[in-house]
Protein backbone atom coordinates (compact mmCIF):
# COMPACT_ATOMS: atom_id res chain seq x y z
CA MET A 1 37.33 -10.94 33.69
CA SER A 2 38.06 -8.25 36.35
CA SER A 3 35.34 -5.92 37.29
CA LYS A 4 37.32 -2.40 35.38
CA ILE A 5 37.82 -4.53 31.98
CA LYS A 6 33.83 -5.35 31.80
CA THR A 7 32.74 -1.99 32.97
CA THR A 8 35.33 -0.61 29.92
CA VAL A 9 33.60 -3.14 27.37
CA ILE A 10 30.13 -2.52 28.43
CA VAL A 11 30.63 1.68 27.97
CA VAL A 12 32.65 1.06 24.80
CA GLY A 13 29.68 -1.07 23.55
CA ILE A 14 26.86 1.41 24.57
CA ILE A 15 28.84 4.10 23.11
CA ALA A 16 28.98 1.80 19.91
CA LEU A 17 25.46 1.21 19.83
CA VAL A 18 24.36 4.73 20.11
CA LEU A 19 26.32 5.89 17.22
CA PHE A 20 24.59 3.06 15.57
CA LEU A 21 21.31 3.66 16.29
CA PHE A 22 21.32 7.18 15.71
CA ASN A 23 22.58 6.73 12.11
CA SER A 24 19.67 4.37 11.50
CA LEU A 25 17.00 6.48 13.30
CA ASP A 26 14.63 8.30 10.96
CA LEU A 27 14.96 11.74 11.96
CA GLN A 28 11.90 12.39 9.85
CA ILE A 29 13.77 14.83 7.63
CA ASN A 30 11.50 13.21 4.95
CA ASN A 31 8.45 13.03 6.82
CA SER A 32 8.08 17.08 6.31
CA GLU A 33 8.04 17.01 2.59
CA ALA A 34 4.73 18.50 1.29
CA GLY A 35 2.87 16.09 -0.68
CA SER A 36 4.45 13.00 0.95
CA ILE A 37 2.29 10.06 2.57
CA TYR A 38 4.66 10.29 5.58
CA ASN A 39 3.78 14.11 6.23
CA GLU A 40 0.93 14.09 8.76
CA SER A 41 0.45 18.01 8.43
CA ALA A 42 -2.21 19.49 6.47
CA LEU A 43 -0.13 19.98 3.44
CA GLY A 44 1.14 16.25 3.60
CA ALA A 45 -1.08 13.27 2.41
CA ALA A 46 -0.78 10.95 4.87
CA ALA A 47 -4.51 10.50 4.74
CA LEU A 48 -4.69 9.70 1.18
CA PRO A 49 -3.43 5.84 1.65
CA LEU A 50 -5.59 5.35 4.58
CA TRP A 51 -8.97 6.65 3.00
CA PHE A 52 -8.13 4.27 -0.44
CA ASP A 53 -7.11 1.62 2.36
CA LYS A 54 -11.03 2.12 3.65
CA ILE A 55 -12.60 1.87 0.81
CA GLY A 56 -11.32 -1.08 -0.60
CA TYR A 57 -8.19 -0.67 -2.51
CA GLN A 58 -4.85 -1.78 -1.67
CA THR A 59 -1.97 1.10 -1.37
CA GLU A 60 2.11 0.75 -1.21
CA SER A 61 4.57 3.28 -0.87
CA TYR A 62 6.85 2.95 -4.04
CA GLU A 63 10.31 4.16 -2.63
CA TYR A 64 14.14 3.12 -2.77
CA ARG A 65 13.01 1.16 -6.02
CA ARG A 66 13.97 2.27 -9.76
CA PHE A 67 10.75 2.93 -12.09
CA ASP A 68 11.93 0.15 -14.19
CA ASP A 69 10.49 -2.13 -11.59
CA LEU A 70 7.06 -1.08 -12.25
CA ASP A 71 4.93 -3.85 -13.43
CA GLN A 72 1.30 -4.93 -13.92
CA GLU A 73 0.64 -5.48 -10.04
CA ILE A 74 0.13 -1.83 -9.48
CA ASN A 75 -2.84 -0.28 -11.18
CA VAL A 76 -2.10 3.27 -10.12
CA MET A 77 0.74 5.59 -9.46
CA ILE A 78 0.42 8.77 -7.95
CA SER A 79 3.04 11.72 -7.84
CA LEU A 80 2.73 14.70 -5.94
CA PRO A 81 5.18 17.53 -5.97
CA SER A 82 8.06 17.92 -4.17
CA GLU A 83 9.86 20.72 -2.76
CA ARG A 84 13.30 19.78 -3.33
CA PHE A 85 13.18 17.32 -6.25
CA ASP A 86 14.98 18.83 -9.09
CA GLY A 87 12.74 16.71 -11.67
CA TRP A 88 12.38 13.31 -13.11
CA GLN A 89 15.68 11.83 -15.39
CA VAL A 90 14.96 10.53 -19.05
CA ALA A 91 15.27 6.99 -18.15
CA GLU A 92 12.29 7.61 -15.31
CA VAL A 93 9.97 9.16 -17.80
CA ASP A 94 10.47 6.34 -20.36
CA ALA A 95 10.20 3.55 -17.92
CA VAL A 96 6.77 5.39 -16.51
CA LEU A 97 5.06 6.06 -19.60
CA ARG A 98 6.25 2.46 -21.06
CA TRP A 99 4.59 0.90 -17.85
CA VAL A 100 1.22 3.01 -18.62
CA GLU A 101 1.45 1.98 -22.23
CA GLU A 102 1.85 -1.49 -21.81
CA THR A 103 -0.26 -2.34 -18.66
CA GLY A 104 -2.88 -0.10 -18.86
CA ALA A 105 -2.20 1.26 -15.92
CA THR A 106 -3.23 4.95 -14.69
CA LEU A 107 -0.52 7.50 -13.67
CA ILE A 108 -1.56 10.56 -11.76
CA ILE A 109 0.93 13.43 -11.91
CA VAL A 110 0.91 16.51 -10.03
CA ASP A 111 3.10 19.59 -10.12
CA ASP A 112 2.95 23.23 -10.40
CA GLN A 113 6.42 23.46 -12.14
CA GLN A 114 7.45 21.76 -15.16
CA ASN A 115 9.03 18.39 -14.79
CA GLY A 116 10.08 15.68 -17.45
CA ILE A 117 6.97 13.98 -17.95
CA PHE A 118 4.86 17.39 -18.73
CA THR A 119 7.55 17.80 -21.08
CA ARG A 120 7.34 14.62 -22.99
CA LEU A 121 3.42 15.29 -23.08
CA ASP A 122 3.85 18.50 -24.54
CA LEU A 123 2.39 20.70 -21.67
CA THR A 124 4.13 23.62 -20.50
CA VAL A 125 3.25 24.65 -16.44
CA LYS A 126 2.44 28.44 -16.68
CA ALA A 127 2.07 30.28 -13.32
CA VAL A 128 -0.59 32.99 -13.18
CA GLU A 129 0.36 36.65 -13.33
CA GLY A 130 -0.32 38.78 -9.89
CA PHE A 131 -0.90 35.87 -7.61
CA ASP A 132 -4.48 35.98 -9.01
CA PRO A 133 -5.32 31.94 -8.50
CA VAL A 134 -7.12 30.26 -11.35
CA SER A 135 -10.64 29.14 -9.67
CA THR A 136 -13.04 26.69 -11.02
CA GLN A 137 -16.48 26.39 -10.06
CA LYS A 138 -17.36 23.11 -11.85
CA PRO A 139 -15.46 20.44 -13.71
CA SER A 140 -15.51 21.26 -17.50
CA HIS A 141 -15.69 17.64 -18.53
CA GLY A 142 -18.80 15.11 -16.96
CA LEU A 143 -17.36 13.60 -13.95
CA ILE A 144 -20.47 10.70 -12.96
CA ASN A 145 -18.39 8.01 -11.12
CA PRO A 146 -18.79 9.48 -8.78
CA GLU A 147 -21.00 12.48 -10.05
CA VAL A 148 -18.91 15.95 -9.34
CA THR A 149 -21.45 19.07 -10.12
CA SER A 150 -19.26 21.57 -8.37
CA PHE A 151 -16.28 22.53 -6.22
CA ASP A 152 -16.02 23.87 -2.81
CA GLN A 153 -12.74 25.96 -2.99
CA TYR A 154 -10.65 24.59 -6.18
CA GLN A 155 -7.58 27.13 -6.65
CA THR A 156 -4.12 26.97 -8.17
CA LEU A 157 -1.47 29.04 -8.95
CA ALA A 158 -0.48 27.34 -12.23
CA TYR A 159 -2.15 25.98 -15.08
CA PHE A 160 -1.20 24.12 -18.47
CA GLU A 161 -0.41 25.72 -21.91
CA ARG A 162 -0.93 22.79 -24.72
CA LYS A 163 1.27 22.35 -27.59
CA SER A 164 -0.81 19.88 -29.46
CA PRO A 165 -4.49 18.89 -28.92
CA ASN A 166 -4.08 15.34 -27.57
CA SER A 167 -5.96 15.61 -23.91
CA GLN A 168 -9.09 16.11 -22.52
CA VAL A 169 -10.10 19.22 -20.54
CA ILE A 170 -11.51 17.97 -17.43
CA VAL A 171 -10.68 21.06 -14.78
CA GLY A 172 -10.40 24.35 -15.92
CA THR A 173 -11.14 26.44 -19.18
CA GLU A 174 -9.50 25.51 -22.93
CA GLN A 175 -6.99 28.49 -22.42
CA GLN A 176 -6.25 27.37 -18.59
CA PRO A 177 -6.56 24.05 -18.03
CA THR A 178 -5.64 22.67 -14.65
CA LEU A 179 -6.51 19.08 -15.05
CA LEU A 180 -6.11 17.02 -18.21
CA GLY A 181 -6.64 13.70 -18.86
CA ILE A 182 -4.37 12.10 -21.69
CA SER A 183 -4.82 8.36 -23.44
CA ARG A 184 -1.32 6.79 -23.56
CA GLY A 185 -1.18 3.20 -25.30
CA SER A 186 -4.00 1.01 -23.27
CA GLY A 187 -3.18 3.33 -20.21
CA MET A 188 -4.58 6.80 -18.96
CA ILE A 189 -2.32 9.91 -17.49
CA TYR A 190 -4.30 12.63 -15.58
CA ALA A 191 -1.81 15.78 -15.00
CA SER A 192 -2.91 18.51 -12.68
CA THR A 193 -1.24 21.62 -11.55
CA ASN A 194 -3.66 21.69 -8.12
CA GLY A 195 -1.70 19.28 -5.73
CA MET A 196 -3.68 20.89 -2.70
CA LEU A 197 -6.54 18.33 -3.77
CA PHE A 198 -4.88 15.21 -2.27
CA THR A 199 -3.34 16.77 0.61
CA ASN A 200 -4.59 16.03 4.21
CA ILE A 201 -6.76 19.40 4.38
CA GLY A 202 -7.80 19.10 0.47
CA LEU A 203 -9.49 15.59 1.33
CA PHE A 204 -12.00 17.52 4.01
CA SER A 205 -13.83 18.41 0.99
CA GLU A 206 -16.13 16.13 -0.61
CA SER A 207 -16.16 17.24 -3.96
CA ASN A 208 -11.88 17.02 -4.17
CA ALA A 209 -12.51 13.35 -2.71
CA ARG A 210 -15.08 12.69 -5.55
CA LEU A 211 -12.71 13.81 -8.07
CA ILE A 212 -9.98 11.81 -7.00
CA LEU A 213 -12.29 8.61 -7.37
CA ASN A 214 -13.09 9.67 -10.54
CA LEU A 215 -9.25 9.54 -11.73
CA VAL A 216 -8.68 6.23 -10.38
CA ASN A 217 -11.97 4.81 -11.14
CA ARG A 218 -10.74 2.23 -13.81
CA THR A 219 -8.79 0.57 -11.19
CA PRO A 220 -11.11 -2.60 -10.00
CA ALA A 221 -11.76 -3.46 -6.48
CA GLY A 222 -8.71 -4.46 -4.48
CA GLY A 223 -6.58 -2.96 -6.93
CA THR A 224 -3.17 -1.53 -5.91
CA ILE A 225 -2.27 2.27 -5.63
CA ALA A 226 1.28 3.30 -5.43
CA PHE A 227 2.54 6.46 -4.10
CA ASP A 228 5.91 7.76 -5.78
CA GLU A 229 8.15 8.53 -2.62
CA VAL A 230 11.07 8.29 -4.66
CA HIS A 231 10.68 11.74 -5.72
CA HIS A 232 10.15 12.90 -1.97
CA GLY A 233 13.86 11.48 -1.10
CA ARG A 234 13.67 7.93 -0.63
CA ALA A 235 15.34 7.45 -3.65
CA LEU A 236 18.05 4.81 -3.93
CA PRO A 237 21.70 5.88 -4.53
CA PRO A 238 23.68 6.08 -7.59
CA LYS A 239 23.84 3.05 -10.02
CA ALA A 240 24.95 -0.20 -8.75
CA ALA A 241 24.83 1.15 -4.83
CA PRO A 242 22.88 -1.29 -2.42
CA VAL A 243 19.46 -0.61 -1.35
CA PRO A 244 19.64 1.28 1.96
CA ALA A 245 17.95 -0.32 4.85
CA LYS A 246 14.74 0.83 5.89
CA PRO A 247 15.37 3.42 9.24
CA TYR A 248 14.37 2.28 12.58
CA SER A 249 11.52 4.09 13.82
CA PRO A 250 12.28 6.15 17.37
CA LEU A 251 10.34 3.41 19.24
CA VAL A 252 11.99 -0.05 17.71
CA ALA A 253 15.21 1.83 18.03
CA ALA A 254 14.68 2.34 21.82
CA MET A 255 13.43 -1.04 22.44
CA LEU A 256 16.59 -2.48 20.42
CA TYR A 257 18.84 -0.20 21.96
CA SER A 258 17.62 -1.58 25.54
CA ALA A 259 17.30 -5.14 24.36
CA ILE A 260 21.33 -5.09 23.60
CA VAL A 261 22.16 -3.24 26.53
CA VAL A 262 20.48 -5.82 28.77
CA GLY A 263 21.81 -8.68 26.88
CA LEU A 264 25.16 -7.34 27.13
CA TRP A 265 24.75 -6.63 31.03
CA ALA A 266 23.65 -10.41 31.24
CA LEU A 267 26.58 -11.71 29.25
CA PHE A 268 29.48 -10.23 31.56
CA SER A 269 27.37 -10.25 34.64
CA GLY A 270 25.29 -13.08 35.02
CA ARG A 271 25.87 -16.76 34.25
CA ARG A 272 26.44 -18.98 31.34
CA PHE A 273 23.65 -21.15 30.34
CA GLY A 274 23.39 -24.16 28.09
CA GLN A 275 21.12 -24.52 25.14
CA VAL A 276 17.67 -25.66 26.23
CA VAL A 277 17.05 -29.38 25.02
CA PRO A 278 13.70 -29.33 23.43
CA SER A 279 11.49 -32.21 24.45
CA LYS A 280 10.16 -34.91 22.10
CA ILE A 281 6.43 -33.47 22.53
CA ASP A 282 7.78 -29.86 21.43
CA LEU A 283 9.53 -31.33 18.35
CA MET A 284 6.34 -33.19 16.94
CA GLN A 285 5.00 -31.21 14.32
CA ARG A 286 1.42 -30.11 13.96
CA ASN A 287 -0.36 -30.59 10.68
CA SER A 288 -3.38 -28.24 9.83
CA SER A 289 -5.92 -30.91 10.78
CA GLU A 290 -4.69 -30.75 14.81
CA TYR A 291 -5.02 -27.02 14.59
CA VAL A 292 -7.92 -27.17 13.03
CA GLN A 293 -9.66 -29.99 15.50
CA SER A 294 -8.06 -28.03 18.59
CA MET A 295 -9.64 -24.59 17.52
CA ALA A 296 -12.99 -26.42 17.05
CA ASN A 297 -12.76 -27.69 20.31
CA LEU A 298 -11.78 -24.62 21.90
CA PHE A 299 -14.89 -22.49 20.62
CA GLN A 300 -17.22 -25.88 21.52
CA ARG A 301 -16.50 -25.40 25.01
CA GLY A 302 -17.40 -21.56 24.74
CA ARG A 303 -20.58 -22.18 22.86
CA GLN A 304 -19.65 -19.84 20.29
CA ALA A 305 -21.08 -20.97 17.39
CA GLU A 306 -21.36 -17.73 15.20
CA HIS A 307 -17.81 -16.88 16.37
CA MET A 308 -16.51 -20.34 15.16
CA GLN A 309 -18.26 -19.98 12.03
CA THR A 310 -16.64 -16.41 11.34
CA HIS A 311 -13.46 -17.92 12.19
CA TYR A 312 -13.26 -20.72 9.74
CA LYS A 313 -15.02 -18.87 7.33
CA THR A 314 -12.20 -16.10 7.46
CA TYR A 315 -9.54 -18.87 7.67
CA LEU A 316 -10.64 -20.98 4.62
CA LYS A 317 -10.95 -17.26 2.43
CA ARG A 318 -7.24 -16.51 3.74
CA ARG A 319 -5.74 -20.02 3.01
CA ILE A 320 -6.86 -20.22 -0.49
CA ALA A 321 -6.27 -16.40 -1.29
CA LYS A 322 -2.79 -16.67 -0.11
CA PRO A 323 -1.13 -18.53 -2.71
CA TYR A 324 -2.98 -16.20 -5.73
CA GLY A 325 -2.40 -12.86 -3.72
CA ILE A 326 -6.41 -12.55 -3.93
CA ASN A 327 -7.78 -9.92 -1.28
CA PRO A 328 -9.69 -12.21 0.85
CA LYS A 329 -11.76 -9.44 1.91
CA LEU A 330 -13.95 -9.71 -1.51
CA ASP A 331 -17.57 -10.73 -1.24
CA ASP A 332 -18.02 -14.50 -1.58
CA GLN A 333 -19.10 -14.36 -5.60
CA GLN A 334 -16.48 -12.18 -6.28
CA PHE A 335 -13.77 -13.96 -4.58
CA ILE A 336 -14.80 -17.46 -5.93
CA TYR A 337 -14.63 -15.61 -9.46
CA GLU A 338 -11.11 -14.51 -8.64
CA VAL A 339 -9.91 -17.86 -7.06
CA GLN A 340 -10.91 -19.74 -10.49
CA ARG A 341 -9.14 -17.14 -12.57
CA TYR A 342 -5.82 -18.27 -11.06
CA SER A 343 -6.47 -21.82 -10.44
CA GLU A 344 -8.00 -24.34 -12.99
CA THR A 345 -8.08 -27.37 -10.63
CA ILE A 346 -10.00 -26.02 -7.52
CA ASP A 347 -13.63 -27.32 -7.11
CA ARG A 348 -15.58 -23.92 -7.32
CA ASN A 349 -18.97 -25.55 -6.71
CA HIS A 350 -17.57 -27.09 -3.56
CA LEU A 351 -16.02 -24.12 -2.37
CA ALA A 352 -19.27 -21.97 -3.13
CA HIS A 353 -21.18 -24.80 -1.16
CA LEU A 354 -18.67 -24.31 2.01
CA LEU A 355 -18.78 -20.29 1.70
CA ASN A 356 -22.31 -20.44 1.82
CA GLN A 357 -22.80 -22.87 4.79
CA LEU A 358 -20.52 -20.65 6.66
CA SER A 359 -22.71 -17.51 6.10
CA GLN A 360 -26.03 -19.33 7.33
CA PRO A 361 -27.55 -17.62 10.63
CA ASN A 362 -27.46 -19.46 14.09
CA PRO A 363 -25.34 -22.63 13.40
CA SER A 364 -25.37 -25.60 15.63
CA GLU A 365 -22.39 -26.98 16.99
CA ALA A 366 -22.97 -30.26 15.17
CA THR A 367 -23.13 -28.17 11.96
CA ILE A 368 -19.97 -26.53 12.49
CA LEU A 369 -17.89 -29.43 13.61
CA ALA A 370 -19.45 -30.88 10.05
CA LEU A 371 -18.16 -27.67 8.28
CA VAL A 372 -14.59 -28.06 9.82
CA SER A 373 -13.91 -31.55 8.61
CA ASP A 374 -15.10 -30.59 4.78
CA ILE A 375 -13.17 -27.54 5.08
CA ASP A 376 -10.02 -29.81 6.33
CA ARG A 377 -10.34 -32.42 3.20
CA PHE A 378 -11.27 -29.71 0.54
CA ILE A 379 -7.68 -27.85 1.59
CA GLN A 380 -6.10 -31.48 1.55
CA ILE A 381 -7.35 -32.43 -1.61
CA TRP A 382 -6.77 -28.55 -2.98
CA GLU A 383 -2.72 -28.63 -1.70
CA GLN A 384 -2.68 -32.19 -3.33
CA GLN A 385 -3.62 -31.12 -6.82
CA GLY A 386 -0.84 -28.36 -6.65
CA ARG A 387 -3.09 -25.31 -5.97
CA VAL A 388 -2.95 -24.48 -9.69
């Protein structure tokens, strides 16, 4: 291939790559949405999932999915107001209310405008007159988990008008409630007109954080809290369209672009290489016991007994937890309880013994090596029994 042709091919390839990556880039159009967990500004909600993660909950962004997909794996759904979304569709309202009723989940729906869910709950959002905000100094209903006795700054420009007395006023007055609790089937719905509570700047207030914890306290430790990003622009296209690929971040796009350009340059200007023939040693598959023994030898040579003990305790809990979707960071007793819920054949006493031994202070190298062998035997027996 001549130099001119190679240059032309590379230039055309680079132009095509630029166009492709430009279309794939997340240009942060949705990242400026107030209430979105991708928005790190004062009115965004990026801090909320980070905070929930830190205090022991699992979080996820509910995006590019339909609400028919909601299941009992999600314990709480939080939907914050969107500036450019025109309301909940009837099918979405039906799906999310059915999910609450059937799974016992919690829905926290926040908006200072009327939407389909509020309408279905016989609630009408009313704006205050003369821009005189509704201010509240303390909750109307006892909030004890954790306790909330007063608010630092609780103000909103909208309140609810109730058509039927099927709700409990939590914040506000009977005439101007701003936060309501509504029992729905086996689940719970919290409706609020105060979106500021859940924003990055709102979480600076301790009373706001305590109030939010009261709303999710039905969720067990390690439960999943999902954030509705569908209504912040990350929605599926109309029916039957394929799910769009998640956009590349600018950093990933730059790395991908560089790698492809270098690859093209090497392809057209470098030498051709055959496929590397793997050696017989590389083809040998290592089993779990070899990994365990090699790690034990490594730690033994470094004389890091306590680090070795911590490593194997983490290894054991992660190995057992993975097939069942259990949080391996649970304390030992709770972890054993959760494992027993999912597995009838696992030797609970043996597992408890291993976790207890792996928690003892100042272990000797001999003790660690014995525990390593015991862990390997325990896992092999558990896997042979089918993990059920």
